């Protein structure tokens, strides 16, 4: 923080959404989520990233905020992120803080997610693509939570290109809130599961799973307190107008790149883990 206050940095990225321990931590440990977000201090120049745009739909400057009931503690994650956005925006309006807020819509690519028990907590529940990847690597049925929802996915290289444009064009990015996603890659989670199964079978040489996918309840998969919106599709008007940015990578291509990395990195480790004898009770 002292380095920030000294002004020695021209740009900084405040990674304001702590989600590396798994999706389930957003509602099983809501106090951690709230304190993480709210304790983020206002800095001199901020580009703020936030994992998963939970609290808004479509347009950055017009859409209503969507929240679930208090007992669905998943929404503490969304509330905390909206609070820090409002704090940053107020600092800009009242004290001249330079900032750009980035709202990522499912940035996907190699090394973006953990595989439980391999390079992340065994009890953690990662994002949907990593969950499905883990199922494919382990030859287990892919699970659709409450029948699945509808999402978009953008390749990490495209997203980084967008962020670099923000840094390189401060006059056009300062004070802006940008959705960064790919509405052309809109898909139901069931379609995503089927597509990932097809891609993985082709690159790994393994036969497709016979039992695929299966429906499970959110309570069974995540535990108590989970809730979510059925559909989140980004409007890209502002970032296209301000920076001329549009994503390029198709869903098939980003899945092929990501699953190739997952297979090369994790397949053998998961086979070794599965081959270990289970201790008798």
Protein backbone atom coordinates (compact mmCIF):
# COMPACT_ATOMS: atom_id res chain seq x y z
CA UNK A 1 0.00 0.00 0.00
CA UNK A 2 2.86 2.41 0.75
CA UNK A 3 4.22 1.81 -2.74
CA UNK A 4 0.86 2.73 -4.20
CA UNK A 5 0.63 5.90 -2.15
CA UNK A 6 4.13 6.90 -3.24
CA UNK A 7 2.96 6.98 -6.84
CA UNK A 8 5.76 4.71 -8.08
CA UNK A 9 3.35 2.63 -10.16
CA UNK A 10 1.57 3.86 -13.27
CA UNK A 11 -1.05 1.13 -13.40
CA UNK A 12 -2.27 -1.51 -11.02
CA UNK A 13 -4.77 -4.33 -11.06
CA UNK A 14 -6.82 -4.94 -7.94
CA UNK A 15 -8.02 -8.53 -8.25
CA UNK A 16 -11.06 -7.83 -6.17
CA UNK A 17 -12.90 -11.14 -6.20
CA UNK A 18 -11.35 -13.92 -4.17
CA UNK A 19 -12.58 -17.14 -5.77
CA UNK A 20 -9.55 -19.41 -5.89
CA UNK A 21 -10.80 -21.76 -3.17
CA UNK A 22 -13.91 -22.76 -5.08
CA UNK A 23 -17.40 -21.59 -5.95
CA UNK A 24 -18.81 -23.19 -2.82
CA UNK A 25 -16.73 -20.87 -0.60
CA UNK A 26 -18.81 -17.90 -1.77
CA UNK A 27 -21.71 -19.10 0.38
CA UNK A 28 -20.14 -21.47 2.93
CA UNK A 29 -17.77 -18.67 4.08
CA UNK A 30 -19.66 -15.43 3.28
CA UNK A 31 -17.86 -13.40 5.96
CA UNK A 32 -14.53 -14.10 4.26
CA UNK A 33 -15.97 -12.93 0.96
CA UNK A 34 -17.43 -9.76 2.43
CA UNK A 35 -14.29 -8.80 4.33
CA UNK A 36 -12.09 -9.51 1.31
CA UNK A 37 -14.07 -7.19 -0.94
CA UNK A 38 -14.86 -4.41 1.50
CA UNK A 39 -11.29 -4.17 2.84
CA UNK A 40 -9.94 -3.35 -0.63
CA UNK A 41 -8.61 0.20 -0.29
CA UNK A 42 -8.94 2.96 -2.86
CA UNK A 43 -5.67 3.40 -4.72
CA UNK A 44 -4.26 6.09 -6.99
CA UNK A 45 -4.97 4.39 -10.32
CA UNK A 46 -7.03 1.24 -10.43
CA UNK A 47 -8.03 -1.31 -13.00
CA UNK A 48 -10.33 -3.53 -10.99
CA UNK A 49 -11.16 -7.09 -12.06
CA UNK A 50 -13.99 -9.08 -10.58
CA UNK A 51 -14.56 -12.77 -11.14
CA UNK A 52 -18.04 -13.58 -12.36
CA UNK A 53 -20.55 -10.76 -12.86
CA UNK A 54 -23.05 -12.03 -10.31
CA UNK A 55 -24.95 -8.85 -9.62
CA UNK A 56 -25.94 -7.45 -12.99
CA UNK A 57 -27.34 -8.57 -16.30
CA UNK A 58 -26.39 -7.32 -19.75
CA UNK A 59 -25.66 -3.57 -19.85
CA UNK A 60 -23.08 -1.92 -17.60
CA UNK A 61 -25.01 1.33 -17.17
CA UNK A 62 -28.68 0.37 -17.37
CA UNK A 63 -29.49 -3.15 -16.17
CA UNK A 64 -31.05 -3.67 -12.74
CA UNK A 65 -29.09 -5.37 -9.99
CA UNK A 66 -30.24 -8.92 -9.35
CA UNK A 67 -30.00 -10.41 -5.86
CA UNK A 68 -31.44 -13.51 -4.27
CA UNK A 69 -32.88 -13.86 -0.74
CA UNK A 70 -30.73 -13.34 2.35
CA UNK A 71 -30.71 -17.02 3.31
CA UNK A 72 -29.11 -17.86 -0.03
CA UNK A 73 -25.65 -16.81 1.11
CA UNK A 74 -24.19 -17.20 -2.37
CA UNK A 75 -25.40 -13.62 -2.98
CA UNK A 76 -23.04 -12.18 -0.34
CA UNK A 77 -20.39 -12.52 -3.04
CA UNK A 78 -22.43 -10.33 -5.40
CA UNK A 79 -23.33 -7.79 -2.71
CA UNK A 80 -19.70 -7.37 -1.69
CA UNK A 81 -18.62 -6.78 -5.27
CA UNK A 82 -21.31 -4.19 -5.88
CA UNK A 83 -20.32 -2.41 -2.68
CA UNK A 84 -16.67 -2.11 -3.71
CA UNK A 85 -17.73 -0.90 -7.17
CA UNK A 86 -19.81 1.84 -5.60
CA UNK A 87 -16.93 2.79 -3.31
CA UNK A 88 -14.49 3.03 -6.22
CA UNK A 89 -16.96 5.02 -8.31
CA UNK A 90 -17.62 7.43 -5.42
CA UNK A 91 -13.88 7.98 -4.96
CA UNK A 92 -13.67 8.86 -8.63
CA UNK A 93 -16.60 11.26 -8.46
CA UNK A 94 -15.61 12.98 -5.20
CA UNK A 95 -11.81 12.73 -5.05
CA UNK A 96 -10.71 12.35 -8.65
CA UNK A 97 -9.61 8.72 -8.46
CA UNK A 98 -8.64 7.35 -11.87
CA UNK A 99 -10.18 3.93 -12.32
CA UNK A 100 -11.45 1.38 -14.79
CA UNK A 101 -13.71 -1.44 -13.66
CA UNK A 102 -13.63 -4.73 -15.56
CA UNK A 103 -16.50 -7.18 -15.35
CA UNK A 104 -15.27 -10.56 -16.63
CA UNK A 105 -17.82 -12.96 -18.06
CA UNK A 106 -16.24 -16.41 -17.70
CA UNK A 107 -12.65 -15.90 -18.82
CA UNK A 108 -11.49 -19.35 -19.88
CA UNK A 109 -8.16 -20.83 -20.90
CA UNK A 110 -5.15 -22.88 -19.80
CA UNK A 111 -4.13 -22.41 -16.14
CA UNK A 112 -7.29 -20.45 -15.33
CA UNK A 113 -8.79 -23.00 -12.91
CA UNK A 114 -7.68 -25.65 -10.45
CA UNK A 115 -8.37 -29.37 -10.47
CA UNK A 116 -9.55 -30.47 -6.99
CA UNK A 117 -7.01 -32.58 -5.14
CA UNK A 118 -4.29 -32.01 -7.76
CA UNK A 119 -3.43 -28.31 -7.68
CA UNK A 120 -6.32 -27.07 -5.57
CA UNK A 121 -8.22 -28.01 -2.42
CA UNK A 122 -9.80 -31.45 -2.67
CA UNK A 123 -13.01 -30.14 -1.09
CA UNK A 124 -13.20 -27.11 -3.37
CA UNK A 125 -15.68 -26.76 -6.23
CA UNK A 126 -14.12 -24.87 -9.16
CA UNK A 127 -15.95 -23.17 -12.02
CA UNK A 128 -18.05 -25.19 -14.42
CA UNK A 129 -15.40 -25.76 -17.08
CA UNK A 130 -12.90 -27.09 -14.53
CA UNK A 131 -15.60 -29.27 -12.95
CA UNK A 132 -16.38 -30.80 -16.34
CA UNK A 133 -12.66 -31.13 -17.15
CA UNK A 134 -12.12 -33.00 -13.90
CA UNK A 135 -15.02 -35.33 -14.75
CA UNK A 136 -13.62 -36.03 -18.22
CA UNK A 137 -10.11 -36.64 -16.91
CA UNK A 138 -11.49 -39.00 -14.25
CA UNK A 139 -13.92 -40.72 -16.64
CA UNK A 140 -16.87 -39.71 -14.47
CA UNK A 141 -20.30 -38.48 -15.58
CA UNK A 142 -20.57 -34.72 -16.01
CA UNK A 143 -23.08 -33.20 -13.59
CA UNK A 144 -25.68 -30.58 -14.48
CA UNK A 145 -26.67 -28.57 -11.41
CA UNK A 146 -30.44 -27.98 -11.29
CA UNK A 147 -30.65 -28.78 -14.99
CA UNK A 148 -27.97 -26.31 -16.01
CA UNK A 149 -28.10 -22.62 -16.95
CA UNK A 150 -27.02 -20.43 -19.86
CA UNK A 151 -23.66 -18.67 -20.03
CA UNK A 152 -21.06 -17.17 -22.34
CA UNK A 153 -17.33 -17.89 -22.37
CA UNK A 154 -14.42 -15.81 -23.64
CA UNK A 155 -10.85 -16.95 -24.28
CA UNK A 156 -8.27 -15.54 -21.88
CA UNK A 157 -6.05 -14.23 -24.71
CA UNK A 158 -8.93 -12.17 -26.07
CA UNK A 159 -9.66 -10.84 -22.57
CA UNK A 160 -6.02 -9.86 -22.00
CA UNK A 161 -6.07 -7.99 -25.30
CA UNK A 162 -9.03 -5.99 -23.97
CA UNK A 163 -7.22 -5.14 -20.74
CA UNK A 164 -4.10 -4.04 -22.61
CA UNK A 165 -6.24 -1.71 -24.70
CA UNK A 166 -7.55 -0.16 -21.48
CA UNK A 167 -4.02 0.41 -20.20
CA UNK A 168 -2.80 1.79 -23.52
CA UNK A 169 -5.79 4.15 -23.89
CA UNK A 170 -6.30 5.73 -20.45
CA UNK A 171 -8.26 8.70 -21.78
CA UNK A 172 -10.87 6.36 -23.24
CA UNK A 173 -10.85 3.88 -20.35
CA UNK A 174 -10.76 6.14 -17.28
CA UNK A 175 -14.01 6.16 -15.36
CA UNK A 176 -15.49 3.40 -17.49
CA UNK A 177 -17.06 0.09 -16.52
CA UNK A 178 -16.42 -2.55 -19.16
CA UNK A 179 -18.05 -5.91 -19.71
CA UNK A 180 -15.43 -8.30 -21.10
CA UNK A 181 -17.02 -11.41 -22.53
CA UNK A 182 -18.10 -13.06 -25.76
CA UNK A 183 -21.86 -13.12 -26.41
CA UNK A 184 -21.20 -15.09 -29.59
CA UNK A 185 -20.11 -18.00 -27.38
CA UNK A 186 -23.48 -18.27 -25.66
CA UNK A 187 -24.35 -21.84 -24.74
CA UNK A 188 -26.45 -23.81 -22.28
CA UNK A 189 -24.43 -25.69 -19.70
CA UNK A 190 -25.83 -28.93 -21.07
CA UNK A 191 -24.58 -27.99 -24.55
CA UNK A 192 -21.22 -27.09 -23.00
CA UNK A 193 -21.00 -30.53 -21.38
CA UNK A 194 -21.78 -32.26 -24.67
CA UNK A 195 -19.32 -30.09 -26.58
CA UNK A 196 -16.53 -30.65 -24.05
CA UNK A 197 -17.10 -34.40 -24.16
CA UNK A 198 -16.77 -34.37 -27.95
CA UNK A 199 -13.65 -32.17 -27.93
CA UNK A 200 -11.95 -34.19 -25.19
CA UNK A 201 -12.69 -37.52 -26.86
CA UNK A 202 -11.06 -36.31 -30.09
CA UNK A 203 -7.90 -34.94 -28.49
CA UNK A 204 -7.39 -37.71 -25.91
CA UNK A 205 -8.43 -40.70 -27.99
CA UNK A 206 -10.70 -41.88 -25.16
CA UNK A 207 -14.19 -43.08 -26.09
CA UNK A 208 -17.01 -40.71 -25.11
CA UNK A 209 -18.60 -41.25 -21.72
CA UNK A 210 -21.69 -43.44 -21.91
CA UNK A 211 -23.47 -41.89 -18.93
CA UNK A 212 -23.48 -38.23 -19.80
CA UNK A 213 -24.55 -35.82 -18.42
CA UNK A 214 -26.54 -36.42 -15.23
CA UNK A 215 -28.77 -34.02 -13.28
CA UNK A 216 -28.01 -33.20 -9.64
CA UNK A 217 -29.52 -30.65 -7.28
CA UNK A 218 -27.55 -27.58 -6.20
CA UNK A 219 -27.94 -28.71 -2.59
CA UNK A 220 -26.36 -32.06 -3.41
CA UNK A 221 -23.54 -30.54 -5.47
CA UNK A 222 -22.71 -27.33 -3.57
CA UNK A 223 -24.47 -27.66 -0.22
CA UNK A 224 -26.92 -25.34 1.51
CA UNK A 225 -27.13 -21.69 0.50
CA UNK A 226 -26.48 -21.89 -3.23
CA UNK A 227 -28.47 -19.80 -5.67
CA UNK A 228 -27.76 -18.34 -9.10
CA UNK A 229 -29.22 -16.58 -12.12
CA UNK A 230 -30.32 -18.67 -15.08
CA UNK A 231 -28.68 -16.49 -17.71
CA UNK A 232 -25.91 -13.87 -17.85
CA UNK A 233 -25.08 -12.46 -21.28
CA UNK A 234 -22.81 -9.40 -21.62
CA UNK A 235 -23.67 -6.37 -23.70
CA UNK A 236 -20.47 -5.32 -25.48
CA UNK A 237 -21.54 -1.89 -26.78
CA UNK A 238 -19.42 0.25 -24.45
CA UNK A 239 -16.09 -1.55 -24.84
CA UNK A 240 -16.57 -1.78 -28.59
CA UNK A 241 -17.36 1.93 -28.83
CA UNK A 242 -14.61 3.13 -26.47
CA UNK A 243 -11.80 0.75 -27.41
CA UNK A 244 -12.88 -0.95 -30.63
CA UNK A 245 -12.50 -4.35 -28.98
CA UNK A 246 -14.38 -7.49 -29.97
CA UNK A 247 -13.50 -11.08 -29.00
CA UNK A 248 -12.25 -13.39 -31.74
CA UNK A 249 -11.98 -16.96 -30.43
CA UNK A 250 -14.85 -19.39 -30.95
CA UNK A 251 -16.13 -21.61 -28.17
CA UNK A 252 -14.86 -24.73 -29.94
CA UNK A 253 -11.35 -23.29 -30.31
CA UNK A 254 -11.10 -22.13 -26.70
CA UNK A 255 -12.33 -25.51 -25.46
CA UNK A 256 -9.82 -27.30 -27.67
CA UNK A 257 -6.95 -25.16 -26.36
CA UNK A 258 -8.03 -25.45 -22.73
CA UNK A 259 -8.74 -29.19 -22.76
CA UNK A 260 -5.49 -29.92 -24.58
CA UNK A 261 -3.66 -28.18 -21.74
CA UNK A 262 -5.76 -29.94 -19.09
CA UNK A 263 -5.08 -33.35 -20.65
CA UNK A 264 -1.33 -32.80 -20.97
CA UNK A 265 -1.03 -31.36 -17.48
CA UNK A 266 -3.38 -33.49 -15.39
CA UNK A 267 -4.21 -36.80 -17.09
CA UNK A 268 -1.31 -38.81 -15.67
CA UNK A 269 -1.59 -37.25 -12.20
CA UNK A 270 -5.28 -38.12 -12.02
CA UNK A 271 -4.61 -41.69 -13.20
CA UNK A 272 -2.04 -42.10 -10.41
CA UNK A 273 -4.48 -40.70 -7.87
CA UNK A 274 -7.24 -43.04 -9.02
CA UNK A 275 -4.88 -46.03 -8.92
CA UNK A 276 -4.04 -45.52 -5.24
CA UNK A 277 -5.71 -48.10 -2.98
CA UNK A 278 -8.52 -46.78 -0.82
CA UNK A 279 -7.77 -47.15 2.90
CA UNK A 280 -10.18 -49.51 4.63
CA UNK A 281 -12.11 -48.19 7.61
